[in-house]
Amino acid sequence: MTTQLLDGCGRKIDYLRISVTDRCDFRCIYCMAEAMQFLPRQQVLTLEEIERSARLFVSQGVRKVRLTGGEPLVRPGIVGLCERIAAMPGLRELVMTTNGSQLLKLARPLADAGVKRLNISLDTLDPKRFRSITRTGELGRVLRGIDAARKAGFAAIKLNTVALHGRNADEVPALVDFAIAHGLDISFIEEMPLGDVGRARDQTYCSSAWVRERIAERYSLIDSAEQSGGPARYVRISGHPDTRIGFISPISQHFCDTCNRVRMTAEGRLLLCLGHEHALDMRGLLRRYPGQDGPVLDAIRQALLRKPERHGFDRDDVQVLRFMNATGG
């Protein structure tokens, strides 16, 4: 009989997102402040603690694990960690979200280690805009990384775009064209009000409905019931079978009723909901019970009973003070 995690609303939890670091080589304007203070290294989970956490959740019916950051590929030892998690009995797939900056050298090792799918952030195709949005990034390096990932043999690659009025919203059609030309999926994400990034988010808020309207001006879209195990709602493009377009709409069309996931931050806080501070101190539990899984699993089950029914995001206010890089992208 397979063990299964349930929350207090009866939702099945089979998806765990783990941030392996809060550090990143970019400083994206929607993710963090320009001058960030990162966690002291002793507060960050060790690779062994991350692996143990993944193993505990997989033993309880979690079938999908996503590694995130910060930027996960700046964490030393990440490829070996991927190999060990991917080999866990019962895990359906190990996936990763990355900014693409390290893929030129790491795409093939990641694929060989067992990472099935990649999500790669790409918010613009204009080098100057890319530098403005990321503050430090180089577009050419990311594009070369995307090309390396396409050649590495992943089961699927998806681009992630945070659409922002006044920043990149006018590039929505061009980004779809790019995805089609390279046989990639693409998801457009509404910006989430996490952390004070130094500007009013309602000035740049771009709804999924607006994005879809712009795409529909160029392409014939077909609604799809496909699921990737996460929050995206997909459409297909008539005449282009190799590309799906996803919409992730935490503000305009929340997906809380079907939420199947929890997130663990780099410091070991198990976040029960992206939009709340309810959390379980996994780091404390792992270090208090180094050789006993029972007490840790009991604490996880009890914590899930407190998972909120839904988040309370709106586009105007910062409801959660932690930044996205601290949450896990």
Protein backbone atom coordinates (compact mmCIF):
# COMPACT_ATOMS: atom_id res chain seq x y z
CA MET A 1 0.00 0.00 0.00
CA THR A 2 1.45 3.37 -1.08
CA THR A 3 1.72 6.02 1.61
CA GLN A 4 0.19 9.36 0.60
CA LEU A 5 0.47 12.85 2.07
CA LEU A 6 -2.78 14.80 2.42
CA ASP A 7 -3.33 18.34 3.64
CA GLY A 8 -6.15 19.57 5.84
CA CYS A 9 -8.31 20.27 2.78
CA GLY A 10 -7.92 16.72 1.48
CA ARG A 11 -5.55 17.72 -1.31
CA LYS A 12 -2.94 15.13 -2.28
CA ILE A 13 0.63 16.42 -1.93
CA ASP A 14 2.83 14.74 -4.53
CA TYR A 15 5.13 17.59 -5.62
CA LEU A 16 8.06 19.04 -3.65
CA ARG A 17 10.05 22.09 -4.71
CA ILE A 18 13.44 22.39 -3.02
CA SER A 19 15.57 25.54 -3.10
CA VAL A 20 19.18 24.39 -2.91
CA THR A 21 20.55 27.93 -2.44
CA ASP A 22 19.32 31.50 -2.05
CA ARG A 23 22.34 32.73 -4.04
CA CYS A 24 22.15 33.69 -7.70
CA ASP A 25 24.42 35.21 -10.31
CA PHE A 26 21.52 37.44 -11.48
CA ARG A 27 19.58 40.08 -9.53
CA CYS A 28 16.26 40.01 -11.38
CA ILE A 29 14.01 42.95 -10.56
CA TYR A 30 10.97 40.80 -9.74
CA CYS A 31 12.92 38.34 -7.59
CA MET A 32 15.16 40.33 -5.25
CA ALA A 33 16.43 43.72 -4.22
CA GLU A 34 19.52 45.11 -5.94
CA ALA A 35 21.62 44.92 -2.76
CA MET A 36 20.82 41.49 -1.35
CA GLN A 37 22.00 40.00 1.91
CA PHE A 38 22.25 36.25 1.49
CA LEU A 39 22.04 33.60 4.18
CA PRO A 40 25.17 32.68 6.13
CA ARG A 41 26.35 29.37 4.71
CA GLN A 42 25.92 27.53 8.02
CA GLN A 43 22.18 28.30 7.88
CA VAL A 44 21.77 26.68 4.46
CA LEU A 45 20.89 22.99 4.33
CA THR A 46 23.75 20.67 3.48
CA LEU A 47 23.50 18.53 0.36
CA GLU A 48 23.01 15.51 2.62
CA GLU A 49 20.10 17.22 4.37
CA ILE A 50 18.52 18.14 1.04
CA GLU A 51 18.88 14.55 -0.17
CA ARG A 52 17.41 13.18 3.05
CA SER A 53 14.45 15.56 2.79
CA ALA A 54 13.76 14.47 -0.76
CA ARG A 55 13.98 10.82 0.24
CA LEU A 56 11.53 11.31 3.10
CA PHE A 57 8.96 12.97 0.85
CA VAL A 58 9.37 10.41 -1.93
CA SER A 59 8.80 7.66 0.63
CA GLN A 60 5.43 9.34 1.36
CA GLY A 61 4.16 9.43 -2.20
CA VAL A 62 5.81 12.52 -3.66
CA ARG A 63 6.41 11.73 -7.32
CA LYS A 64 7.88 14.99 -8.62
CA VAL A 65 10.80 16.96 -7.17
CA ARG A 66 11.90 20.30 -8.59
CA LEU A 67 15.24 21.84 -7.64
CA THR A 68 15.29 25.63 -7.62
CA GLY A 69 17.14 28.55 -6.09
CA GLY A 70 18.25 31.32 -6.21
CA GLU A 71 20.12 29.74 -9.08
CA PRO A 72 20.55 26.01 -8.33
CA LEU A 73 23.49 25.60 -10.70
CA VAL A 74 25.75 27.87 -8.64
CA ARG A 75 25.56 25.36 -5.75
CA PRO A 76 28.72 23.21 -5.66
CA GLY A 77 27.90 19.50 -5.91
CA ILE A 78 24.55 20.05 -7.63
CA VAL A 79 25.08 17.43 -10.35
CA GLY A 80 25.85 14.69 -7.84
CA LEU A 81 22.82 15.69 -5.79
CA CYS A 82 20.66 15.41 -8.91
CA GLU A 83 21.99 11.95 -9.64
CA ARG A 84 21.20 10.72 -6.14
CA ILE A 85 17.68 12.16 -6.06
CA ALA A 86 16.83 10.99 -9.58
CA ALA A 87 17.70 7.42 -8.58
CA MET A 88 15.25 7.31 -5.65
CA PRO A 89 12.71 4.47 -6.03
CA GLY A 90 9.21 5.82 -6.55
CA LEU A 91 10.20 9.21 -7.94
CA ARG A 92 8.58 9.82 -11.32
CA GLU A 93 10.71 12.78 -12.35
CA LEU A 94 13.36 15.19 -11.15
CA VAL A 95 13.09 18.60 -12.80
CA MET A 96 14.87 21.93 -12.39
CA THR A 97 14.29 25.66 -12.79
CA THR A 98 17.35 27.67 -13.84
CA ASN A 99 18.27 31.06 -15.25
CA GLY A 100 20.31 29.29 -17.93
CA SER A 101 23.60 31.00 -17.21
CA GLN A 102 25.45 27.76 -16.38
CA LEU A 103 23.86 25.44 -18.92
CA LEU A 104 26.59 25.68 -21.52
CA LYS A 105 28.80 23.55 -19.25
CA LEU A 106 26.20 21.74 -17.13
CA ALA A 107 23.30 20.83 -19.46
CA ARG A 108 24.77 17.49 -20.54
CA PRO A 109 25.89 16.46 -17.02
CA LEU A 110 22.41 17.29 -15.69
CA ALA A 111 20.69 15.22 -18.36
CA ASP A 112 23.09 12.35 -17.71
CA ALA A 113 22.39 12.65 -13.96
CA GLY A 114 18.67 12.04 -14.54
CA VAL A 115 17.10 15.50 -14.66
CA LYS A 116 14.09 14.98 -16.95
CA ARG A 117 12.88 18.50 -17.69
CA LEU A 118 14.21 22.05 -17.45
CA ASN A 119 12.42 25.35 -16.95
CA ILE A 120 14.66 28.19 -18.16
CA SER A 121 13.89 31.81 -17.34
CA LEU A 122 13.84 34.08 -20.40
CA ASP A 123 12.10 37.44 -20.03
CA THR A 124 13.36 39.26 -23.11
CA LEU A 125 15.25 38.77 -26.37
CA ASP A 126 16.81 42.24 -26.22
CA PRO A 127 20.33 42.28 -24.70
CA LYS A 128 19.95 45.75 -23.14
CA ARG A 129 16.58 44.86 -21.63
CA PHE A 130 18.00 41.57 -20.42
CA ARG A 131 20.72 43.42 -18.56
CA SER A 132 18.13 45.86 -17.14
CA ILE A 133 15.80 43.11 -15.90
CA THR A 134 18.53 40.82 -14.53
CA ARG A 135 20.86 43.68 -13.49
CA THR A 136 23.90 41.44 -14.12
CA GLY A 137 22.99 38.87 -16.79
CA GLU A 138 24.22 38.43 -20.36
CA LEU A 139 21.55 37.34 -22.86
CA GLY A 140 23.99 35.65 -25.24
CA ARG A 141 25.24 33.33 -22.52
CA VAL A 142 21.68 32.24 -21.69
CA LEU A 143 20.80 31.69 -25.35
CA ARG A 144 23.89 29.51 -25.76
CA GLY A 145 22.82 27.64 -22.64
CA ILE A 146 19.35 27.05 -24.10
CA ASP A 147 20.97 25.67 -27.25
CA ALA A 148 23.17 23.36 -25.15
CA ALA A 149 20.11 22.14 -23.26
CA ARG A 150 18.28 21.39 -26.53
CA LYS A 151 21.20 19.17 -27.57
CA ALA A 152 21.55 17.43 -24.19
CA GLY A 153 18.51 15.15 -24.48
CA PHE A 154 16.05 16.41 -21.85
CA ALA A 155 12.52 15.08 -22.20
CA ALA A 156 11.21 18.66 -22.36
CA ILE A 157 12.40 22.24 -22.00
CA LYS A 158 10.12 25.12 -21.11
CA LEU A 159 10.86 28.83 -21.10
CA ASN A 160 9.47 30.90 -18.21
CA THR A 161 8.63 34.56 -18.79
CA VAL A 162 7.44 37.00 -16.13
CA ALA A 163 5.41 39.49 -18.16
CA LEU A 164 5.73 43.11 -17.00
CA HIS A 165 4.14 46.17 -18.56
CA GLY A 166 6.77 48.75 -19.36
CA ARG A 167 9.53 46.13 -19.31
CA ASN A 168 8.89 43.25 -21.69
CA ALA A 169 5.13 42.86 -22.29
CA ASP A 170 5.49 44.14 -25.85
CA GLU A 171 7.78 41.16 -26.57
CA VAL A 172 5.15 38.50 -25.88
CA PRO A 173 4.65 37.66 -29.60
CA ALA A 174 8.40 37.59 -30.25
CA LEU A 175 9.00 35.25 -27.31
CA VAL A 176 6.30 32.89 -28.60
CA ASP A 177 7.94 33.03 -32.05
CA PHE A 178 11.27 32.12 -30.42
CA ALA A 179 9.73 29.16 -28.58
CA ILE A 180 8.10 27.87 -31.78
CA ALA A 181 11.30 28.28 -33.81
CA HIS A 182 13.23 26.20 -31.27
CA GLY A 183 10.55 23.61 -30.50
CA LEU A 184 10.17 24.70 -26.89
CA ASP A 185 7.24 25.24 -24.55
CA ILE A 186 6.79 28.64 -22.93
CA SER A 187 4.87 29.80 -19.85
CA PHE A 188 3.92 33.37 -19.04
CA ILE A 189 3.78 34.14 -15.32
CA GLU A 190 2.01 36.91 -13.47
CA GLU A 191 4.41 38.64 -11.08
CA MET A 192 3.89 37.57 -7.48
CA PRO A 193 4.00 40.15 -4.62
CA LEU A 194 6.90 38.63 -2.70
CA GLY A 195 9.34 41.02 -1.03
CA ASP A 196 9.78 44.79 -1.36
CA VAL A 197 11.59 45.20 -4.68
CA GLY A 198 11.55 48.99 -4.56
CA ARG A 199 8.58 49.70 -6.85
CA ALA A 200 4.80 49.44 -6.89
CA ARG A 201 3.92 46.19 -8.62
CA ASP A 202 0.54 47.41 -9.84
CA GLN A 203 2.40 49.71 -12.25
CA THR A 204 3.82 46.74 -14.16
CA TYR A 205 1.20 44.04 -13.49
CA CYS A 206 0.37 42.12 -16.64
CA SER A 207 -2.51 39.64 -16.52
CA SER A 208 -2.54 36.25 -18.22
CA ALA A 209 -5.70 37.30 -20.06
CA TRP A 210 -3.88 40.27 -21.59
CA VAL A 211 -0.96 38.05 -22.64
CA ARG A 212 -3.29 35.50 -24.20
CA GLU A 213 -5.08 38.22 -26.18
CA ARG A 214 -1.77 39.41 -27.64
CA ILE A 215 -0.81 35.87 -28.68
CA ALA A 216 -4.27 35.22 -30.14
CA GLU A 217 -3.81 38.22 -32.43
CA ARG A 218 -1.09 36.22 -34.21
CA TYR A 219 -1.93 32.56 -33.62
CA SER A 220 -4.99 30.35 -33.37
CA LEU A 221 -5.01 28.94 -29.83
CA ILE A 222 -6.60 25.67 -28.76
CA ASP A 223 -7.47 25.11 -25.10
CA SER A 224 -5.84 22.02 -23.64
CA ALA A 225 -6.51 19.96 -20.53
CA GLU A 226 -2.84 18.91 -20.34
CA GLN A 227 -1.08 19.05 -16.99
CA SER A 228 2.62 19.11 -16.17
CA GLY A 229 2.09 18.48 -12.47
CA GLY A 230 2.27 22.19 -11.61
CA PRO A 231 0.02 25.28 -11.73
CA ALA A 232 0.22 26.14 -15.46
CA ARG A 233 -2.88 26.08 -17.67
CA TYR A 234 -1.94 25.22 -21.25
CA VAL A 235 -3.04 26.01 -24.77
CA ARG A 236 -1.83 24.53 -28.03
CA ILE A 237 -1.02 26.51 -31.17
CA SER A 238 -2.72 25.50 -34.38
CA GLY A 239 -0.11 24.34 -36.88
CA HIS A 240 2.72 24.17 -34.31
CA PRO A 241 2.45 20.84 -32.46
CA ASP A 242 5.87 21.04 -30.79
CA THR A 243 5.08 24.08 -28.62
CA ARG A 244 2.65 24.56 -25.74
CA ILE A 245 1.90 27.90 -24.13
CA GLY A 246 1.26 27.94 -20.40
CA PHE A 247 -0.28 30.61 -18.21
CA ILE A 248 0.49 30.80 -14.50
CA SER A 249 -1.97 33.22 -12.94
CA PRO A 250 -1.57 33.54 -9.17
CA ILE A 251 -3.27 36.96 -9.14
CA SER A 252 -6.07 36.80 -11.71
CA GLN A 253 -6.98 33.09 -11.59
CA HIS A 254 -5.51 31.36 -8.58
CA PHE A 255 -5.00 27.60 -8.66
CA CYS A 256 -5.28 26.91 -4.94
CA ASP A 257 -8.08 24.34 -5.15
CA THR A 258 -5.79 21.94 -7.01
CA CYS A 259 -2.58 22.76 -5.13
CA ASN A 260 -0.48 19.61 -4.83
CA ARG A 261 2.84 21.03 -3.65
CA VAL A 262 4.97 22.39 -0.86
CA ARG A 263 8.28 24.23 -1.01
CA MET A 264 11.39 23.90 1.07
CA THR A 265 13.63 26.93 1.30
CA ALA A 266 17.41 26.82 1.24
CA GLU A 267 17.47 27.27 5.03
CA GLY A 268 15.09 24.35 5.52
CA ARG A 269 11.73 26.06 6.07
CA LEU A 270 8.97 23.89 4.65
CA LEU A 271 6.54 26.47 3.25
CA LEU A 272 3.01 25.15 3.22
CA CYS A 273 1.79 27.90 0.86
CA LEU A 274 3.61 30.38 -1.37
CA GLY A 275 1.43 33.23 -0.14
CA HIS A 276 1.70 32.64 3.63
CA GLU A 277 4.43 32.36 6.22
CA HIS A 278 3.12 29.06 7.64
CA ALA A 279 6.20 26.85 7.74
CA LEU A 280 7.80 23.84 9.40
CA ASP A 281 11.41 24.04 10.59
CA MET A 282 12.78 21.08 8.64
CA ARG A 283 16.39 22.04 9.34
CA GLY A 284 15.79 21.86 13.08
CA LEU A 285 14.05 18.50 12.76
CA LEU A 286 16.72 16.98 10.51
CA ARG A 287 19.47 18.02 12.88
CA ARG A 288 17.55 17.00 16.00
CA TYR A 289 16.80 13.52 14.63
CA PRO A 290 19.80 12.61 12.44
CA GLY A 291 19.06 8.88 12.54
CA GLN A 292 15.28 8.86 13.10
CA ASP A 293 12.86 9.47 10.27
CA GLY A 294 9.68 8.80 12.27
CA PRO A 295 9.56 12.08 14.23
CA VAL A 296 10.35 14.09 11.09
CA LEU A 297 7.60 12.39 9.09
CA ASP A 298 5.11 12.86 11.93
CA ALA A 299 5.91 16.58 12.01
CA ILE A 300 5.47 16.84 8.23
CA ARG A 301 2.06 15.16 8.37
CA GLN A 302 0.90 17.40 11.20
CA ALA A 303 2.16 20.53 9.45
CA LEU A 304 0.30 19.67 6.23
CA LEU A 305 -2.98 19.73 8.16
CA ARG A 306 -2.36 23.48 8.58
CA LYS A 307 -1.76 24.16 4.89
CA PRO A 308 -3.96 27.19 4.04
CA GLU A 309 -6.93 26.72 1.76
CA ARG A 310 -5.65 29.50 -0.53
CA HIS A 311 -3.25 32.41 -0.73
CA GLY A 312 -4.33 36.05 -0.59
CA PHE A 313 -2.31 37.63 -3.39
CA ASP A 314 -3.42 40.82 -5.03
CA ARG A 315 -1.44 42.93 -7.45
CA ASP A 316 -1.05 46.06 -5.33
CA ASP A 317 0.45 45.06 -2.00
CA VAL A 318 3.35 43.02 -0.69
CA GLN A 319 1.65 40.37 1.44
CA VAL A 320 4.82 38.34 2.06
CA LEU A 321 8.10 40.00 3.02
CA ARG A 322 10.49 37.25 1.89
CA PHE A 323 11.93 37.59 -1.60
CA MET A 324 11.37 35.05 -4.35
CA ASN A 325 15.01 33.90 -4.24
CA ALA A 326 14.52 33.07 -0.55
CA THR A 327 11.26 31.27 -1.30
CA GLY A 328 12.54 29.14 -4.16
CA GLY A 329 11.62 30.00 -7.73
